Amino acid sequence: MVDFRDGSEELVDTHVIAGPSAAGGHGGGDAGLTDAFLAAVSTGDPSLLRSDAAASLATHRVVWAAERARLSGTVVTL
């Protein structure tokens, strides 16, 4: 793990972390998102979803911009 504020590094042994595997997609969160989506579709109940596609895309764009800014050392405007 790298602290991008000061450049310090720490080795994190991911094999000892309890809980869902990161290999499962977003620390296992993808499975929960898929389950919620399938439940909403199968029951016709959109209230089972915590956000819509537009909100999910917007939050992803923020994270992608933050990573682009970190790598380039610039401000990224959305």
PDB file of N, CA and C in Angstrom:
ATOM      1  N   MET A   1       0.848  -1.149   0.000  1.00  0.00           N
ATOM      2  CA  MET A   1       0.000   0.000   0.000  1.00  0.00           C
ATOM      3  C   MET A   1       0.907   1.229   0.000  1.00  0.00           C
ATOM      4  N   VAL A   2       0.546   2.235  -0.806  1.00  0.00           N
ATOM      5  CA  VAL A   2       1.320   3.470  -0.882  1.00  0.00           C
ATOM      6  C   VAL A   2       0.476   4.629  -0.367  1.00  0.00           C
ATOM      7  N   ASP A   3       1.020   5.388   0.548  1.00  0.00           N
ATOM      8  CA  ASP A   3       0.373   6.611   1.011  1.00  0.00           C
ATOM      9  C   ASP A   3       0.779   7.701   0.027  1.00  0.00           C
ATOM     10  N   PHE A   4      -0.167   8.135  -0.803  1.00  0.00           N
ATOM     11  CA  PHE A   4       0.155   9.075  -1.862  1.00  0.00           C
ATOM     12  C   PHE A   4       0.429  10.486  -1.349  1.00  0.00           C
ATOM     13  N   ARG A   5       0.202  10.719  -0.070  1.00  0.00           N
ATOM     14  CA  ARG A   5       0.530  12.029   0.496  1.00  0.00           C
ATOM     15  C   ARG A   5       2.018  12.164   0.762  1.00  0.00           C
ATOM     16  N   ASP A   6       2.621  11.099   1.312  1.00  0.00           N
ATOM     17  CA  ASP A   6       4.031  11.213   1.679  1.00  0.00           C
ATOM     18  C   ASP A   6       4.937  10.190   0.994  1.00  0.00           C
ATOM     19  N   GLY A   7       4.352   9.298   0.188  1.00  0.00           N
ATOM     20  CA  GLY A   7       5.151   8.332  -0.558  1.00  0.00           C
ATOM     21  C   GLY A   7       5.571   7.102   0.228  1.00  0.00           C
ATOM     22  N   SER A   8       5.185   7.032   1.508  1.00  0.00           N
ATOM     23  CA  SER A   8       5.574   5.865   2.299  1.00  0.00           C
ATOM     24  C   SER A   8       4.835   4.623   1.782  1.00  0.00           C
ATOM     25  N   GLU A   9       5.477   3.477   1.980  1.00  0.00           N
ATOM     26  CA  GLU A   9       4.911   2.221   1.513  1.00  0.00           C
ATOM     27  C   GLU A   9       4.790   1.228   2.650  1.00  0.00           C
ATOM     28  N   GLU A  10       3.759   0.398   2.585  1.00  0.00           N
ATOM     29  CA  GLU A  10       3.546  -0.655   3.575  1.00  0.00           C
ATOM     30  C   GLU A  10       3.097  -1.903   2.836  1.00  0.00           C
ATOM     31  N   LEU A  11       3.717  -3.033   3.121  1.00  0.00           N
ATOM     32  CA  LEU A  11       3.341  -4.294   2.507  1.00  0.00           C
ATOM     33  C   LEU A  11       2.124  -4.849   3.242  1.00  0.00           C
ATOM     34  N   VAL A  12       1.077  -5.163   2.493  1.00  0.00           N
ATOM     35  CA  VAL A  12      -0.141  -5.703   3.078  1.00  0.00           C
ATOM     36  C   VAL A  12      -0.317  -7.118   2.561  1.00  0.00           C
ATOM     37  N   ASP A  13      -0.333  -8.085   3.459  1.00  0.00           N
ATOM     38  CA  ASP A  13      -0.526  -9.487   3.072  1.00  0.00           C
ATOM     39  C   ASP A  13      -2.021  -9.727   2.889  1.00  0.00           C
ATOM     40  N   THR A  14      -2.463  -9.769   1.644  1.00  0.00           N
ATOM     41  CA  THR A  14      -3.896  -9.912   1.358  1.00  0.00           C
ATOM     42  C   THR A  14      -4.414 -11.311   1.623  1.00  0.00           C
ATOM     43  N   HIS A  15      -3.530 -12.253   1.862  1.00  0.00           N
ATOM     44  CA  HIS A  15      -3.970 -13.621   2.123  1.00  0.00           C
ATOM     45  C   HIS A  15      -4.494 -13.804   3.546  1.00  0.00           C
ATOM     46  N   VAL A  16      -4.262 -12.848   4.419  1.00  0.00           N
ATOM     47  CA  VAL A  16      -4.697 -12.995   5.802  1.00  0.00           C
ATOM     48  C   VAL A  16      -5.923 -12.149   6.119  1.00  0.00           C
ATOM     49  N   ILE A  17      -6.416 -11.387   5.145  1.00  0.00           N
ATOM     50  CA  ILE A  17      -7.584 -10.544   5.381  1.00  0.00           C
ATOM     51  C   ILE A  17      -8.832 -11.415   5.364  1.00  0.00           C
ATOM     52  N   ALA A  18      -9.617 -11.319   6.421  1.00  0.00           N
ATOM     53  CA  ALA A  18     -10.849 -12.104   6.498  1.00  0.00           C
ATOM     54  C   ALA A  18     -11.920 -11.473   5.634  1.00  0.00           C
ATOM     55  N   GLY A  19     -12.879 -12.255   5.242  1.00  0.00           N
ATOM     56  CA  GLY A  19     -13.990 -11.724   4.463  1.00  0.00           C
ATOM     57  C   GLY A  19     -13.848 -12.034   2.988  1.00  0.00           C
ATOM     58  N   PRO A  20     -14.702 -11.409   2.177  1.00  0.00           N
ATOM     59  CA  PRO A  20     -14.705 -11.684   0.748  1.00  0.00           C
ATOM     60  C   PRO A  20     -13.370 -11.351   0.096  1.00  0.00           C
ATOM     61  N   SER A  21     -13.025 -12.106  -0.898  1.00  0.00           N
ATOM     62  CA  SER A  21     -11.782 -11.894  -1.622  1.00  0.00           C
ATOM     63  C   SER A  21     -11.897 -10.708  -2.562  1.00  0.00           C
ATOM     64  N   ALA A  22     -10.822  -9.930  -2.666  1.00  0.00           N
ATOM     65  CA  ALA A  22     -10.795  -8.835  -3.624  1.00  0.00           C
ATOM     66  C   ALA A  22     -10.895  -9.370  -5.046  1.00  0.00           C
ATOM     67  N   ALA A  23     -10.477 -10.618  -5.243  1.00  0.00           N
ATOM     68  CA  ALA A  23     -10.565 -11.227  -6.567  1.00  0.00           C
ATOM     69  C   ALA A  23     -12.017 -11.392  -6.995  1.00  0.00           C
ATOM     70  N   GLY A  24     -12.939 -11.325  -6.032  1.00  0.00           N
ATOM     71  CA  GLY A  24     -14.359 -11.444  -6.329  1.00  0.00           C
ATOM     72  C   GLY A  24     -14.958 -10.162  -6.887  1.00  0.00           C
ATOM     73  N   GLY A  25     -14.181  -9.146  -7.077  1.00  0.00           N
ATOM     74  CA  GLY A  25     -14.680  -7.890  -7.639  1.00  0.00           C
ATOM     75  C   GLY A  25     -15.075  -6.918  -6.555  1.00  0.00           C
ATOM     76  N   HIS A  26     -14.338  -5.840  -6.422  1.00  0.00           N
ATOM     77  CA  HIS A  26     -14.613  -4.808  -5.420  1.00  0.00           C
ATOM     78  C   HIS A  26     -14.750  -5.402  -4.023  1.00  0.00           C
ATOM     79  N   GLY A  27     -13.856  -6.301  -3.685  1.00  0.00           N
ATOM     80  CA  GLY A  27     -13.858  -6.888  -2.347  1.00  0.00           C
ATOM     81  C   GLY A  27     -15.089  -7.734  -2.072  1.00  0.00           C
ATOM     82  N   GLY A  28     -15.684  -8.282  -3.099  1.00  0.00           N
ATOM     83  CA  GLY A  28     -16.878  -9.095  -2.940  1.00  0.00           C
ATOM     84  C   GLY A  28     -18.163  -8.307  -3.131  1.00  0.00           C
ATOM     85  N   GLY A  29     -18.060  -6.992  -3.253  1.00  0.00           N
ATOM     86  CA  GLY A  29     -19.243  -6.140  -3.393  1.00  0.00           C
ATOM     87  C   GLY A  29     -20.005  -6.359  -4.680  1.00  0.00           C
ATOM     88  N   ASP A  30     -19.300  -6.790  -5.735  1.00  0.00           N
ATOM     89  CA  ASP A  30     -19.991  -7.020  -7.007  1.00  0.00           C
ATOM     90  C   ASP A  30     -21.084  -8.073  -6.873  1.00  0.00           C
ATOM     91  N   ALA A  31     -20.834  -9.098  -6.065  1.00  0.00           N
ATOM     92  CA  ALA A  31     -21.836 -10.145  -5.874  1.00  0.00           C
ATOM     93  C   ALA A  31     -23.094  -9.565  -5.231  1.00  0.00           C
ATOM     94  N   GLY A  32     -22.919  -8.676  -4.259  1.00  0.00           N
ATOM     95  CA  GLY A  32     -24.064  -8.043  -3.612  1.00  0.00           C
ATOM     96  C   GLY A  32     -24.841  -7.158  -4.572  1.00  0.00           C
ATOM     97  N   LEU A  33     -24.114  -6.417  -5.417  1.00  0.00           N
ATOM     98  CA  LEU A  33     -24.779  -5.571  -6.418  1.00  0.00           C
ATOM     99  C   LEU A  33     -25.564  -6.415  -7.410  1.00  0.00           C
ATOM    100  N   THR A  34     -24.969  -7.511  -7.843  1.00  0.00           N
ATOM    101  CA  THR A  34     -25.646  -8.398  -8.792  1.00  0.00           C
ATOM    102  C   THR A  34     -26.884  -9.008  -8.157  1.00  0.00           C
ATOM    103  N   ASP A  35     -26.771  -9.457  -6.920  1.00  0.00           N
ATOM    104  CA  ASP A  35     -27.927 -10.036  -6.219  1.00  0.00           C
ATOM    105  C   ASP A  35     -29.062  -9.028  -6.090  1.00  0.00           C
ATOM    106  N   ALA A  36     -28.735  -7.791  -5.731  1.00  0.00           N
ATOM    107  CA  ALA A  36     -29.762  -6.753  -5.580  1.00  0.00           C
ATOM    108  C   ALA A  36     -30.427  -6.457  -6.914  1.00  0.00           C
ATOM    109  N   PHE A  37     -29.621  -6.374  -7.978  1.00  0.00           N
ATOM    110  CA  PHE A  37     -30.175  -6.108  -9.307  1.00  0.00           C
ATOM    111  C   PHE A  37     -31.112  -7.229  -9.740  1.00  0.00           C
ATOM    112  N   LEU A  38     -30.683  -8.465  -9.576  1.00  0.00           N
ATOM    113  CA  LEU A  38     -31.526  -9.600  -9.979  1.00  0.00           C
ATOM    114  C   LEU A  38     -32.811  -9.668  -9.155  1.00  0.00           C
ATOM    115  N   ALA A  39     -32.720  -9.358  -7.873  1.00  0.00           N
ATOM    116  CA  ALA A  39     -33.917  -9.347  -7.029  1.00  0.00           C
ATOM    117  C   ALA A  39     -34.880  -8.255  -7.486  1.00  0.00           C
ATOM    118  N   ALA A  40     -34.351  -7.079  -7.815  1.00  0.00           N
ATOM    119  CA  ALA A  40     -35.207  -5.975  -8.271  1.00  0.00           C
ATOM    120  C   ALA A  40     -35.892  -6.321  -9.580  1.00  0.00           C
ATOM    121  N   VAL A  41     -35.144  -6.927 -10.501  1.00  0.00           N
ATOM    122  CA  VAL A  41     -35.726  -7.300 -11.793  1.00  0.00           C
ATOM    123  C   VAL A  41     -36.763  -8.406 -11.623  1.00  0.00           C
ATOM    124  N   SER A  42     -36.426  -9.435 -10.848  1.00  0.00           N
ATOM    125  CA  SER A  42     -37.343 -10.575 -10.721  1.00  0.00           C
ATOM    126  C   SER A  42     -38.630 -10.230  -9.972  1.00  0.00           C
ATOM    127  N   THR A  43     -38.554  -9.252  -9.058  1.00  0.00           N
ATOM    128  CA  THR A  43     -39.751  -8.873  -8.307  1.00  0.00           C
ATOM    129  C   THR A  43     -40.430  -7.629  -8.873  1.00  0.00           C
ATOM    130  N   GLY A  44     -39.747  -6.947  -9.791  1.00  0.00           N
ATOM    131  CA  GLY A  44     -40.290  -5.695 -10.325  1.00  0.00           C
ATOM    132  C   GLY A  44     -40.264  -4.569  -9.305  1.00  0.00           C
ATOM    133  N   ASP A  45     -39.378  -4.675  -8.309  1.00  0.00           N
ATOM    134  CA  ASP A  45     -39.309  -3.687  -7.229  1.00  0.00           C
ATOM    135  C   ASP A  45     -38.011  -2.883  -7.304  1.00  0.00           C
ATOM    136  N   PRO A  46     -38.035  -1.707  -7.950  1.00  0.00           N
ATOM    137  CA  PRO A  46     -36.815  -0.912  -8.074  1.00  0.00           C
ATOM    138  C   PRO A  46     -36.304  -0.360  -6.744  1.00  0.00           C
ATOM    139  N   SER A  47     -37.119  -0.400  -5.706  1.00  0.00           N
ATOM    140  CA  SER A  47     -36.665   0.110  -4.410  1.00  0.00           C
ATOM    141  C   SER A  47     -35.565  -0.781  -3.812  1.00  0.00           C
ATOM    142  N   LEU A  48     -35.357  -1.962  -4.369  1.00  0.00           N
ATOM    143  CA  LEU A  48     -34.299  -2.845  -3.882  1.00  0.00           C
ATOM    144  C   LEU A  48     -32.918  -2.370  -4.325  1.00  0.00           C
ATOM    145  N   LEU A  49     -32.870  -1.412  -5.250  1.00  0.00           N
ATOM    146  CA  LEU A  49     -31.605  -0.861  -5.720  1.00  0.00           C
ATOM    147  C   LEU A  49     -31.305   0.422  -4.963  1.00  0.00           C
ATOM    148  N   ARG A  50     -30.059   0.587  -4.537  1.00  0.00           N
ATOM    149  CA  ARG A  50     -29.685   1.764  -3.755  1.00  0.00           C
ATOM    150  C   ARG A  50     -29.366   2.965  -4.627  1.00  0.00           C
ATOM    151  N   SER A  51     -29.079   2.728  -5.913  1.00  0.00           N
ATOM    152  CA  SER A  51     -28.825   3.842  -6.825  1.00  0.00           C
ATOM    153  C   SER A  51     -29.183   3.406  -8.235  1.00  0.00           C
ATOM    154  N   ASP A  52     -29.390   4.389  -9.092  1.00  0.00           N
ATOM    155  CA  ASP A  52     -29.681   4.047 -10.477  1.00  0.00           C
ATOM    156  C   ASP A  52     -28.391   4.075 -11.285  1.00  0.00           C
ATOM    157  N   ALA A  53     -28.490   3.729 -12.562  1.00  0.00           N
ATOM    158  CA  ALA A  53     -27.301   3.650 -13.410  1.00  0.00           C
ATOM    159  C   ALA A  53     -26.601   4.998 -13.523  1.00  0.00           C
ATOM    160  N   ALA A  54     -27.355   6.090 -13.597  1.00  0.00           N
ATOM    161  CA  ALA A  54     -26.747   7.417 -13.733  1.00  0.00           C
ATOM    162  C   ALA A  54     -25.910   7.767 -12.501  1.00  0.00           C
ATOM    163  N   ALA A  55     -26.419   7.483 -11.318  1.00  0.00           N
ATOM    164  CA  ALA A  55     -25.672   7.769 -10.089  1.00  0.00           C
ATOM    165  C   ALA A  55     -24.431   6.885  -9.991  1.00  0.00           C
ATOM    166  N   SER A  56     -24.559   5.631 -10.382  1.00  0.00           N
ATOM    167  CA  SER A  56     -23.404   4.728 -10.344  1.00  0.00           C
ATOM    168  C   SER A  56     -22.326   5.183 -11.314  1.00  0.00           C
ATOM    169  N   LEU A  57     -22.718   5.592 -12.504  1.00  0.00           N
ATOM    170  CA  LEU A  57     -21.747   6.089 -13.478  1.00  0.00           C
ATOM    171  C   LEU A  57     -21.076   7.365 -12.965  1.00  0.00           C
ATOM    172  N   ALA A  58     -21.861   8.251 -12.369  1.00  0.00           N
ATOM    173  CA  ALA A  58     -21.303   9.511 -11.855  1.00  0.00           C
ATOM    174  C   ALA A  58     -20.242   9.248 -10.791  1.00  0.00           C
ATOM    175  N   THR A  59     -20.497   8.327  -9.875  1.00  0.00           N
ATOM    176  CA  THR A  59     -19.518   8.041  -8.826  1.00  0.00           C
ATOM    177  C   THR A  59     -18.277   7.373  -9.405  1.00  0.00           C
ATOM    178  N   HIS A  60     -18.451   6.512 -10.392  1.00  0.00           N
ATOM    179  CA  HIS A  60     -17.291   5.902 -11.044  1.00  0.00           C
ATOM    180  C   HIS A  60     -16.450   6.969 -11.754  1.00  0.00           C
ATOM    181  N   ARG A  61     -17.096   7.930 -12.407  1.00  0.00           N
ATOM    182  CA  ARG A  61     -16.360   8.994 -13.098  1.00  0.00           C
ATOM    183  C   ARG A  61     -15.509   9.802 -12.117  1.00  0.00           C
ATOM    184  N   VAL A  62     -16.030  10.037 -10.916  1.00  0.00           N
ATOM    185  CA  VAL A  62     -15.268  10.777  -9.905  1.00  0.00           C
ATOM    186  C   VAL A  62     -14.004  10.006  -9.520  1.00  0.00           C
ATOM    187  N   VAL A  63     -14.149   8.714  -9.306  1.00  0.00           N
ATOM    188  CA  VAL A  63     -12.995   7.896  -8.916  1.00  0.00           C
ATOM    189  C   VAL A  63     -11.980   7.815 -10.049  1.00  0.00           C
ATOM    190  N   TRP A  64     -12.457   7.644 -11.284  1.00  0.00           N
ATOM    191  CA  TRP A  64     -11.534   7.597 -12.428  1.00  0.00           C
ATOM    192  C   TRP A  64     -10.793   8.932 -12.560  1.00  0.00           C
ATOM    193  N   ALA A  65     -11.499  10.038 -12.353  1.00  0.00           N
ATOM    194  CA  ALA A  65     -10.867  11.361 -12.441  1.00  0.00           C
ATOM    195  C   ALA A  65      -9.841  11.539 -11.324  1.00  0.00           C
ATOM    196  N   ALA A  66     -10.158  11.066 -10.137  1.00  0.00           N
ATOM    197  CA  ALA A  66      -9.213  11.166  -9.020  1.00  0.00           C
ATOM    198  C   ALA A  66      -7.940  10.385  -9.327  1.00  0.00           C
ATOM    199  N   GLU A  67      -8.085   9.214  -9.900  1.00  0.00           N
ATOM    200  CA  GLU A  67      -6.911   8.411 -10.246  1.00  0.00           C
ATOM    201  C   GLU A  67      -6.114   9.081 -11.365  1.00  0.00           C
ATOM    202  N   ARG A  68      -6.799   9.637 -12.357  1.00  0.00           N
ATOM    203  CA  ARG A  68      -6.110  10.355 -13.434  1.00  0.00           C
ATOM    204  C   ARG A  68      -5.346  11.557 -12.860  1.00  0.00           C
ATOM    205  N   ALA A  69      -5.963  12.270 -11.929  1.00  0.00           N
ATOM    206  CA  ALA A  69      -5.309  13.422 -11.302  1.00  0.00           C
ATOM    207  C   ALA A  69      -4.092  12.977 -10.497  1.00  0.00           C
ATOM    208  N   ARG A  70      -4.221  11.886  -9.780  1.00  0.00           N
ATOM    209  CA  ARG A  70      -3.095  11.375  -8.989  1.00  0.00           C
ATOM    210  C   ARG A  70      -1.933  11.013  -9.893  1.00  0.00           C
ATOM    211  N   LEU A  71      -2.220  10.307 -10.978  1.00  0.00           N
ATOM    212  CA  LEU A  71      -1.151   9.862 -11.865  1.00  0.00           C
ATOM    213  C   LEU A  71      -0.504  11.006 -12.634  1.00  0.00           C
ATOM    214  N   SER A  72      -1.296  12.004 -12.991  1.00  0.00           N
ATOM    215  CA  SER A  72      -0.772  13.096 -13.817  1.00  0.00           C
ATOM    216  C   SER A  72      -0.309  14.300 -12.993  1.00  0.00           C
ATOM    217  N   GLY A  73      -0.702  14.334 -11.707  1.00  0.00           N
ATOM    218  CA  GLY A  73      -0.355  15.484 -10.872  1.00  0.00           C
ATOM    219  C   GLY A  73      -1.089  16.748 -11.270  1.00  0.00           C
ATOM    220  N   THR A  74      -2.256  16.586 -11.893  1.00  0.00           N
ATOM    221  CA  THR A  74      -3.041  17.732 -12.341  1.00  0.00           C
ATOM    222  C   THR A  74      -4.435  17.676 -11.730  1.00  0.00           C
ATOM    223  N   VAL A  75      -5.158  18.773 -11.905  1.00  0.00           N
ATOM    224  CA  VAL A  75      -6.563  18.828 -11.516  1.00  0.00           C
ATOM    225  C   VAL A  75      -7.381  18.360 -12.707  1.00  0.00           C
ATOM    226  N   VAL A  76      -8.297  17.438 -12.482  1.00  0.00           N
ATOM    227  CA  VAL A  76      -9.153  16.932 -13.548  1.00  0.00           C
ATOM    228  C   VAL A  76     -10.546  17.490 -13.314  1.00  0.00           C
ATOM    229  N   THR A  77     -11.071  18.165 -14.306  1.00  0.00           N
ATOM    230  CA  THR A  77     -12.402  18.752 -14.209  1.00  0.00           C
ATOM    231  C   THR A  77     -13.424  17.829 -14.864  1.00  0.00           C
ATOM    232  N   LEU A  78     -14.497  17.588 -14.165  1.00  0.00           N
ATOM    233  CA  LEU A  78     -15.572  16.754 -14.728  1.00  0.00           C
ATOM    234  C   LEU A  78     -16.645  17.634 -15.317  1.00  0.00           C
TER     235      LEU A  78
END
